PDB file of N, CA and C in Angstrom:
ATOM      1  N   UNK A   1       5.281  38.089  71.856  1.00  0.00           N
ATOM      2  CA  UNK A   1       5.914  37.159  70.878  1.00  0.00           C
ATOM      3  C   UNK A   1       6.540  36.055  71.235  1.00  0.00           C
ATOM      4  N   UNK A   2       6.279  34.895  70.742  1.00  0.00           N
ATOM      5  CA  UNK A   2       6.901  33.718  71.111  1.00  0.00           C
ATOM      6  C   UNK A   2       8.243  33.476  70.332  1.00  0.00           C
ATOM      7  N   UNK A   3       9.171  33.803  71.071  1.00  0.00           N
ATOM      8  CA  UNK A   3      10.654  33.703  70.448  1.00  0.00           C
ATOM      9  C   UNK A   3      11.068  32.252  70.347  1.00  0.00           C
ATOM     10  N   UNK A   4      10.636  31.350  70.679  1.00  0.00           N
ATOM     11  CA  UNK A   4      10.947  30.001  70.630  1.00  0.00           C
ATOM     12  C   UNK A   4      11.139  29.505  69.102  1.00  0.00           C
ATOM     13  N   UNK A   5      10.201  29.708  68.271  1.00  0.00           N
ATOM     14  CA  UNK A   5      10.356  29.523  66.921  1.00  0.00           C
ATOM     15  C   UNK A   5      11.448  30.241  66.182  1.00  0.00           C
ATOM     16  N   UNK A   6      11.717  31.420  66.472  1.00  0.00           N
ATOM     17  CA  UNK A   6      12.632  32.517  66.141  1.00  0.00           C
ATOM     18  C   UNK A   6      14.085  32.055  66.302  1.00  0.00           C
ATOM     19  N   UNK A   7      14.115  31.701  67.724  1.00  0.00           N
ATOM     20  CA  UNK A   7      15.406  31.333  68.078  1.00  0.00           C
ATOM     21  C   UNK A   7      15.890  29.985  67.550  1.00  0.00           C
ATOM     22  N   UNK A   8      14.836  29.035  67.547  1.00  0.00           N
ATOM     23  CA  UNK A   8      15.183  27.846  67.115  1.00  0.00           C
ATOM     24  C   UNK A   8      15.747  27.912  65.545  1.00  0.00           C
ATOM     25  N   UNK A   9      14.971  28.905  64.848  1.00  0.00           N
ATOM     26  CA  UNK A   9      15.539  28.844  63.278  1.00  0.00           C
ATOM     27  C   UNK A   9      16.819  29.450  63.222  1.00  0.00           C
ATOM     28  N   UNK A  10      17.037  30.422  64.075  1.00  0.00           N
ATOM     29  CA  UNK A  10      18.511  31.096  64.070  1.00  0.00           C
ATOM     30  C   UNK A  10      19.517  29.915  64.540  1.00  0.00           C
ATOM     31  N   UNK A  11      19.274  29.353  65.529  1.00  0.00           N
ATOM     32  CA  UNK A  11      20.266  28.303  66.009  1.00  0.00           C
ATOM     33  C   UNK A  11      20.530  27.173  65.069  1.00  0.00           C
ATOM     34  N   UNK A  12      19.508  26.777  64.379  1.00  0.00           N
ATOM     35  CA  UNK A  12      19.607  25.784  63.506  1.00  0.00           C
ATOM     36  C   UNK A  12      20.417  26.118  62.256  1.00  0.00           C
ATOM     37  N   UNK A  13      20.043  27.411  61.712  1.00  0.00           N
ATOM     38  CA  UNK A  13      20.783  27.920  60.470  1.00  0.00           C
ATOM     39  C   UNK A  13      22.204  28.109  60.921  1.00  0.00           C
ATOM     40  N   UNK A  14      22.427  28.617  62.099  1.00  0.00           N
ATOM     41  CA  UNK A  14      23.823  28.998  62.449  1.00  0.00           C
ATOM     42  C   UNK A  14      24.631  27.533  62.605  1.00  0.00           C
ATOM     43  N   UNK A  15      23.900  26.494  63.194  1.00  0.00           N
ATOM     44  CA  UNK A  15      24.540  25.239  63.189  1.00  0.00           C
ATOM     45  C   UNK A  15      25.041  24.704  62.031  1.00  0.00           C
ATOM     46  N   UNK A  16      24.027  24.971  60.977  1.00  0.00           N
ATOM     47  CA  UNK A  16      24.368  24.379  59.664  1.00  0.00           C
ATOM     48  C   UNK A  16      25.493  25.210  58.872  1.00  0.00           C
ATOM     49  N   UNK A  17      25.645  26.459  59.096  1.00  0.00           N
ATOM     50  CA  UNK A  17      26.602  27.251  58.644  1.00  0.00           C
ATOM     51  C   UNK A  17      27.947  26.953  59.244  1.00  0.00           C
ATOM     52  N   UNK A  18      27.984  26.555  60.425  1.00  0.00           N
ATOM     53  CA  UNK A  18      29.158  26.014  61.084  1.00  0.00           C
ATOM     54  C   UNK A  18      29.533  24.573  60.598  1.00  0.00           C
ATOM     55  N   UNK A  19      28.680  23.701  60.289  1.00  0.00           N
ATOM     56  CA  UNK A  19      28.895  22.505  59.629  1.00  0.00           C
ATOM     57  C   UNK A  19      29.501  22.649  58.280  1.00  0.00           C
ATOM     58  N   UNK A  20      29.002  23.590  57.591  1.00  0.00           N
ATOM     59  CA  UNK A  20      29.626  23.793  56.119  1.00  0.00           C
ATOM     60  C   UNK A  20      31.109  24.304  56.124  1.00  0.00           C
ATOM     61  N   UNK A  21      31.656  24.711  57.440  1.00  0.00           N
ATOM     62  CA  UNK A  21      32.941  25.125  57.352  1.00  0.00           C
ATOM     63  C   UNK A  21      33.899  23.992  57.397  1.00  0.00           C
ATOM     64  N   UNK A  22      33.370  22.623  57.674  1.00  0.00           N
ATOM     65  CA  UNK A  22      34.246  21.494  57.969  1.00  0.00           C
ATOM     66  C   UNK A  22      34.470  20.851  56.364  1.00  0.00           C
ATOM     67  N   UNK A  23      35.362  20.135  56.273  1.00  0.00           N
ATOM     68  CA  UNK A  23      35.561  19.539  54.988  1.00  0.00           C
ATOM     69  C   UNK A  23      34.572  18.235  54.706  1.00  0.00           C
ATOM     70  N   UNK A  24      34.087  17.704  55.987  1.00  0.00           N
ATOM     71  CA  UNK A  24      33.071  16.562  55.760  1.00  0.00           C
ATOM     72  C   UNK A  24      32.089  16.939  56.764  1.00  0.00           C
ATOM     73  N   UNK A  25      30.819  16.214  56.621  1.00  0.00           N
ATOM     74  CA  UNK A  25      29.691  16.435  57.678  1.00  0.00           C
ATOM     75  C   UNK A  25      29.479  15.200  58.210  1.00  0.00           C
ATOM     76  N   UNK A  26      29.341  14.994  59.452  1.00  0.00           N
ATOM     77  CA  UNK A  26      29.023  13.612  60.061  1.00  0.00           C
ATOM     78  C   UNK A  26      27.591  13.391  59.624  1.00  0.00           C
ATOM     79  N   UNK A  27      27.304  12.124  59.138  1.00  0.00           N
ATOM     80  CA  UNK A  27      26.009  11.738  58.680  1.00  0.00           C
ATOM     81  C   UNK A  27      24.904  12.085  59.729  1.00  0.00           C
ATOM     82  N   UNK A  28      25.053  11.786  60.962  1.00  0.00           N
ATOM     83  CA  UNK A  28      24.115  12.014  61.984  1.00  0.00           C
ATOM     84  C   UNK A  28      23.876  13.596  62.105  1.00  0.00           C
ATOM     85  N   UNK A  29      24.779  14.386  62.158  1.00  0.00           N
ATOM     86  CA  UNK A  29      24.740  15.786  62.090  1.00  0.00           C
ATOM     87  C   UNK A  29      23.735  16.315  61.009  1.00  0.00           C
ATOM     88  N   UNK A  30      24.039  15.897  59.859  1.00  0.00           N
ATOM     89  CA  UNK A  30      23.260  16.117  58.615  1.00  0.00           C
ATOM     90  C   UNK A  30      21.892  15.659  58.769  1.00  0.00           C
ATOM     91  N   UNK A  31      21.496  14.628  59.225  1.00  0.00           N
ATOM     92  CA  UNK A  31      20.236  14.100  59.333  1.00  0.00           C
ATOM     93  C   UNK A  31      19.506  14.924  60.300  1.00  0.00           C
ATOM     94  N   UNK A  32      20.221  15.147  61.478  1.00  0.00           N
ATOM     95  CA  UNK A  32      19.524  15.989  62.442  1.00  0.00           C
ATOM     96  C   UNK A  32      19.223  17.409  62.023  1.00  0.00           C
ATOM     97  N   UNK A  33      20.148  18.050  61.381  1.00  0.00           N
ATOM     98  CA  UNK A  33      19.938  19.446  60.708  1.00  0.00           C
ATOM     99  C   UNK A  33      18.713  19.353  59.867  1.00  0.00           C
ATOM    100  N   UNK A  34      18.805  18.471  58.807  1.00  0.00           N
ATOM    101  CA  UNK A  34      17.728  18.425  57.873  1.00  0.00           C
ATOM    102  C   UNK A  34      16.380  18.173  58.533  1.00  0.00           C
ATOM    103  N   UNK A  35      16.262  17.406  59.367  1.00  0.00           N
ATOM    104  CA  UNK A  35      15.108  17.109  60.047  1.00  0.00           C
ATOM    105  C   UNK A  35      14.562  18.374  60.903  1.00  0.00           C
ATOM    106  N   UNK A  36      15.373  18.965  61.632  1.00  0.00           N
ATOM    107  CA  UNK A  36      15.034  20.184  62.335  1.00  0.00           C
ATOM    108  C   UNK A  36      14.631  21.359  61.472  1.00  0.00           C
ATOM    109  N   UNK A  37      15.448  21.553  60.331  1.00  0.00           N
ATOM    110  CA  UNK A  37      15.067  22.500  59.483  1.00  0.00           C
ATOM    111  C   UNK A  37      13.665  22.252  58.689  1.00  0.00           C
ATOM    112  N   UNK A  38      13.287  21.030  58.456  1.00  0.00           N
ATOM    113  CA  UNK A  38      12.112  20.647  58.057  1.00  0.00           C
ATOM    114  C   UNK A  38      10.977  20.865  58.897  1.00  0.00           C
ATOM    115  N   UNK A  39      11.115  20.800  60.366  1.00  0.00           N
ATOM    116  CA  UNK A  39      10.227  21.013  61.374  1.00  0.00           C
ATOM    117  C   UNK A  39       9.889  22.340  61.572  1.00  0.00           C
ATOM    118  N   UNK A  40      10.563  23.287  61.122  1.00  0.00           N
ATOM    119  CA  UNK A  40      10.459  24.807  61.380  1.00  0.00           C
ATOM    120  C   UNK A  40       9.246  25.133  60.776  1.00  0.00           C
ATOM    121  N   UNK A  41       8.194  25.817  61.533  1.00  0.00           N
ATOM    122  CA  UNK A  41       6.932  26.475  61.021  1.00  0.00           C
ATOM    123  C   UNK A  41       7.263  27.681  60.290  1.00  0.00           C
ATOM    124  N   UNK A  42       7.341  27.743  58.983  1.00  0.00           N
ATOM    125  CA  UNK A  42       7.671  28.846  58.368  1.00  0.00           C
ATOM    126  C   UNK A  42       6.653  29.917  58.298  1.00  0.00           C
ATOM    127  N   UNK A  43       5.407  29.311  58.300  1.00  0.00           N
ATOM    128  CA  UNK A  43       4.207  30.383  58.311  1.00  0.00           C
ATOM    129  C   UNK A  43       4.403  31.130  59.761  1.00  0.00           C
ATOM    130  N   UNK A  44       4.520  30.282  60.745  1.00  0.00           N
ATOM    131  CA  UNK A  44       4.709  31.015  62.125  1.00  0.00           C
ATOM    132  C   UNK A  44       5.583  32.176  62.200  1.00  0.00           C
ATOM    133  N   UNK A  45       6.903  31.689  61.499  1.00  0.00           N
ATOM    134  CA  UNK A  45       7.970  32.610  61.496  1.00  0.00           C
ATOM    135  C   UNK A  45       7.700  33.793  60.634  1.00  0.00           C
ATOM    136  N   UNK A  46       6.918  33.659  59.672  1.00  0.00           N
ATOM    137  CA  UNK A  46       6.427  34.844  58.756  1.00  0.00           C
ATOM    138  C   UNK A  46       5.652  35.664  59.410  1.00  0.00           C
ATOM    139  N   UNK A  47       4.805  35.223  60.315  1.00  0.00           N
ATOM    140  CA  UNK A  47       3.884  35.962  61.143  1.00  0.00           C
ATOM    141  C   UNK A  47       4.526  36.819  62.156  1.00  0.00           C
ATOM    142  N   UNK A  48       5.711  36.272  62.598  1.00  0.00           N
ATOM    143  CA  UNK A  48       6.281  36.910  63.741  1.00  0.00           C
ATOM    144  C   UNK A  48       7.636  37.923  63.262  1.00  0.00           C
ATOM    145  N   UNK A  49       8.021  37.831  62.111  1.00  0.00           N
ATOM    146  CA  UNK A  49       9.256  38.531  61.607  1.00  0.00           C
ATOM    147  C   UNK A  49       8.762  39.610  60.801  1.00  0.00           C
ATOM    148  N   UNK A  50       9.601  40.467  60.484  1.00  0.00           N
ATOM    149  CA  UNK A  50       9.509  41.617  59.513  1.00  0.00           C
ATOM    150  C   UNK A  50       9.717  40.880  58.202  1.00  0.00           C
ATOM    151  N   UNK A  51       9.262  41.566  56.880  1.00  0.00           N
ATOM    152  CA  UNK A  51       9.569  41.029  55.763  1.00  0.00           C
ATOM    153  C   UNK A  51      11.095  40.607  55.446  1.00  0.00           C
ATOM    154  N   UNK A  52      11.846  41.665  55.857  1.00  0.00           N
ATOM    155  CA  UNK A  52      13.225  41.693  55.723  1.00  0.00           C
ATOM    156  C   UNK A  52      13.933  40.537  56.345  1.00  0.00           C
ATOM    157  N   UNK A  53      13.427  40.460  57.735  1.00  0.00           N
ATOM    158  CA  UNK A  53      14.034  39.346  58.649  1.00  0.00           C
ATOM    159  C   UNK A  53      13.455  37.972  58.067  1.00  0.00           C
ATOM    160  N   UNK A  54      12.568  37.916  57.491  1.00  0.00           N
ATOM    161  CA  UNK A  54      11.824  36.502  57.130  1.00  0.00           C
ATOM    162  C   UNK A  54      12.733  36.225  55.690  1.00  0.00           C
ATOM    163  N   UNK A  55      12.744  37.145  54.936  1.00  0.00           N
ATOM    164  CA  UNK A  55      13.582  36.871  53.722  1.00  0.00           C
ATOM    165  C   UNK A  55      14.947  36.529  53.949  1.00  0.00           C
ATOM    166  N   UNK A  56      15.656  37.118  54.957  1.00  0.00           N
ATOM    167  CA  UNK A  56      17.036  36.683  55.333  1.00  0.00           C
ATOM    168  C   UNK A  56      17.025  35.280  55.882  1.00  0.00           C
ATOM    169  N   UNK A  57      16.030  34.918  56.695  1.00  0.00           N
ATOM    170  CA  UNK A  57      16.095  33.587  57.208  1.00  0.00           C
ATOM    171  C   UNK A  57      15.781  32.488  56.135  1.00  0.00           C
ATOM    172  N   UNK A  58      15.006  32.720  55.128  1.00  0.00           N
ATOM    173  CA  UNK A  58      14.589  31.924  54.026  1.00  0.00           C
ATOM    174  C   UNK A  58      15.733  31.842  53.020  1.00  0.00           C
ATOM    175  N   UNK A  59      16.505  32.903  52.886  1.00  0.00           N
ATOM    176  CA  UNK A  59      17.855  32.837  51.953  1.00  0.00           C
ATOM    177  C   UNK A  59      18.696  32.202  52.531  1.00  0.00           C
ATOM    178  N   UNK A  60      19.056  32.272  53.783  1.00  0.00           N
ATOM    179  CA  UNK A  60      19.988  31.359  54.513  1.00  0.00           C
ATOM    180  C   UNK A  60      19.681  30.185  54.497  1.00  0.00           C
ATOM    181  N   UNK A  61      18.421  29.695  54.754  1.00  0.00           N
ATOM    182  CA  UNK A  61      17.956  28.313  54.939  1.00  0.00           C
ATOM    183  C   UNK A  61      18.094  27.625  53.578  1.00  0.00           C
ATOM    184  N   UNK A  62      17.707  28.299  52.564  1.00  0.00           N
ATOM    185  CA  UNK A  62      17.820  27.750  51.028  1.00  0.00           C
ATOM    186  C   UNK A  62      19.203  27.508  50.673  1.00  0.00           C
ATOM    187  N   UNK A  63      20.099  28.457  51.060  1.00  0.00           N
ATOM    188  CA  UNK A  63      21.497  28.394  50.627  1.00  0.00           C
ATOM    189  C   UNK A  63      22.336  27.183  51.443  1.00  0.00           C
ATOM    190  N   UNK A  64      21.836  27.044  52.626  1.00  0.00           N
ATOM    191  CA  UNK A  64      22.241  26.000  53.535  1.00  0.00           C
ATOM    192  C   UNK A  64      21.775  24.669  52.997  1.00  0.00           C
ATOM    193  N   UNK A  65      20.705  24.521  52.721  1.00  0.00           N
ATOM    194  CA  UNK A  65      20.225  23.302  52.072  1.00  0.00           C
ATOM    195  C   UNK A  65      20.796  22.811  50.900  1.00  0.00           C
ATOM    196  N   UNK A  66      21.040  23.846  50.080  1.00  0.00           N
ATOM    197  CA  UNK A  66      21.689  23.517  48.872  1.00  0.00           C
ATOM    198  C   UNK A  66      23.225  23.004  48.971  1.00  0.00           C
ATOM    199  N   UNK A  67      23.995  23.934  49.773  1.00  0.00           N
ATOM    200  CA  UNK A  67      25.325  23.370  50.032  1.00  0.00           C
ATOM    201  C   UNK A  67      25.508  22.225  50.974  1.00  0.00           C
ATOM    202  N   UNK A  68      24.701  22.160  51.772  1.00  0.00           N
ATOM    203  CA  UNK A  68      24.850  20.727  52.734  1.00  0.00           C
ATOM    204  C   UNK A  68      24.766  19.531  51.897  1.00  0.00           C
ATOM    205  N   UNK A  69      24.010  19.593  50.885  1.00  0.00           N
ATOM    206  CA  UNK A  69      23.946  18.403  49.937  1.00  0.00           C
ATOM    207  C   UNK A  69      25.245  18.127  49.120  1.00  0.00           C
ATOM    208  N   UNK A  70      25.978  19.170  49.058  1.00  0.00           N
ATOM    209  CA  UNK A  70      27.214  18.914  48.350  1.00  0.00           C
ATOM    210  C   UNK A  70      28.332  18.518  49.130  1.00  0.00           C
ATOM    211  N   UNK A  71      28.282  18.695  50.559  1.00  0.00           N
ATOM    212  CA  UNK A  71      29.403  18.131  51.355  1.00  0.00           C
ATOM    213  C   UNK A  71      29.479  16.532  51.532  1.00  0.00           C
ATOM    214  N   UNK A  72      30.754  16.355  51.540  1.00  0.00           N
ATOM    215  CA  UNK A  72      31.036  14.785  51.676  1.00  0.00           C
ATOM    216  C   UNK A  72      30.491  14.401  53.111  1.00  0.00           C
ATOM    217  N   UNK A  73      30.181  13.236  53.176  1.00  0.00           N
ATOM    218  CA  UNK A  73      29.478  12.671  54.434  1.00  0.00           C
ATOM    219  C   UNK A  73      30.685  11.733  55.093  1.00  0.00           C
ATOM    220  N   UNK A  74      30.787  11.936  56.377  1.00  0.00           N
ATOM    221  CA  UNK A  74      31.780  11.088  57.200  1.00  0.00           C
ATOM    222  C   UNK A  74      30.735  10.298  58.039  1.00  0.00           C
ATOM    223  N   UNK A  75      31.352   9.031  58.340  1.00  0.00           N
ATOM    224  CA  UNK A  75      30.573   8.036  58.983  1.00  0.00           C
ATOM    225  C   UNK A  75      31.397   7.708  60.333  1.00  0.00           C
ATOM    226  N   UNK A  76      32.534   8.441  60.565  1.00  0.00           N
ATOM    227  CA  UNK A  76      33.370   8.118  61.639  1.00  0.00           C
ATOM    228  C   UNK A  76      33.965   9.490  62.093  1.00  0.00           C
ATOM    229  N   UNK A  77      33.625   9.906  63.269  1.00  0.00           N
ATOM    230  CA  UNK A  77      33.830  11.127  63.748  1.00  0.00           C
ATOM    231  C   UNK A  77      35.372  11.447  63.797  1.00  0.00           C
ATOM    232  N   UNK A  78      36.245  10.615  63.771  1.00  0.00           N
ATOM    233  CA  UNK A  78      37.633  10.764  63.904  1.00  0.00           C
ATOM    234  C   UNK A  78      38.315  11.362  62.439  1.00  0.00           C
ATOM    235  N   UNK A  79      37.530  11.237  61.458  1.00  0.00           N
ATOM    236  CA  UNK A  79      37.972  11.674  60.089  1.00  0.00           C
ATOM    237  C   UNK A  79      37.508  12.981  59.811  1.00  0.00           C
ATOM    238  N   UNK A  80      36.792  13.680  60.732  1.00  0.00           N
ATOM    239  CA  UNK A  80      36.251  14.984  60.421  1.00  0.00           C
ATOM    240  C   UNK A  80      37.270  16.061  60.809  1.00  0.00           C
ATOM    241  N   UNK A  81      37.487  16.988  60.029  1.00  0.00           N
ATOM    242  CA  UNK A  81      38.410  18.074  60.067  1.00  0.00           C
ATOM    243  C   UNK A  81      37.738  19.436  60.279  1.00  0.00           C
TER     244      UNK A  81
END
């Protein structure tokens, strides 16, 4: 099994969940996260994971995408808490 796609999906989702703990999200961090989540090959993930694992990844990704849009954007790193 090629763990690359699985590892990348877990890392990107965890990264996004960490970003959600901040009061604001740096605009470049948000751009990077959204780009990388969009690039994930969900069909390949579906083939490699159990149904339960795939559903978990999809649920976490959907929740992350919803919540990241609600976060205020910071354009200067020194303003992020």
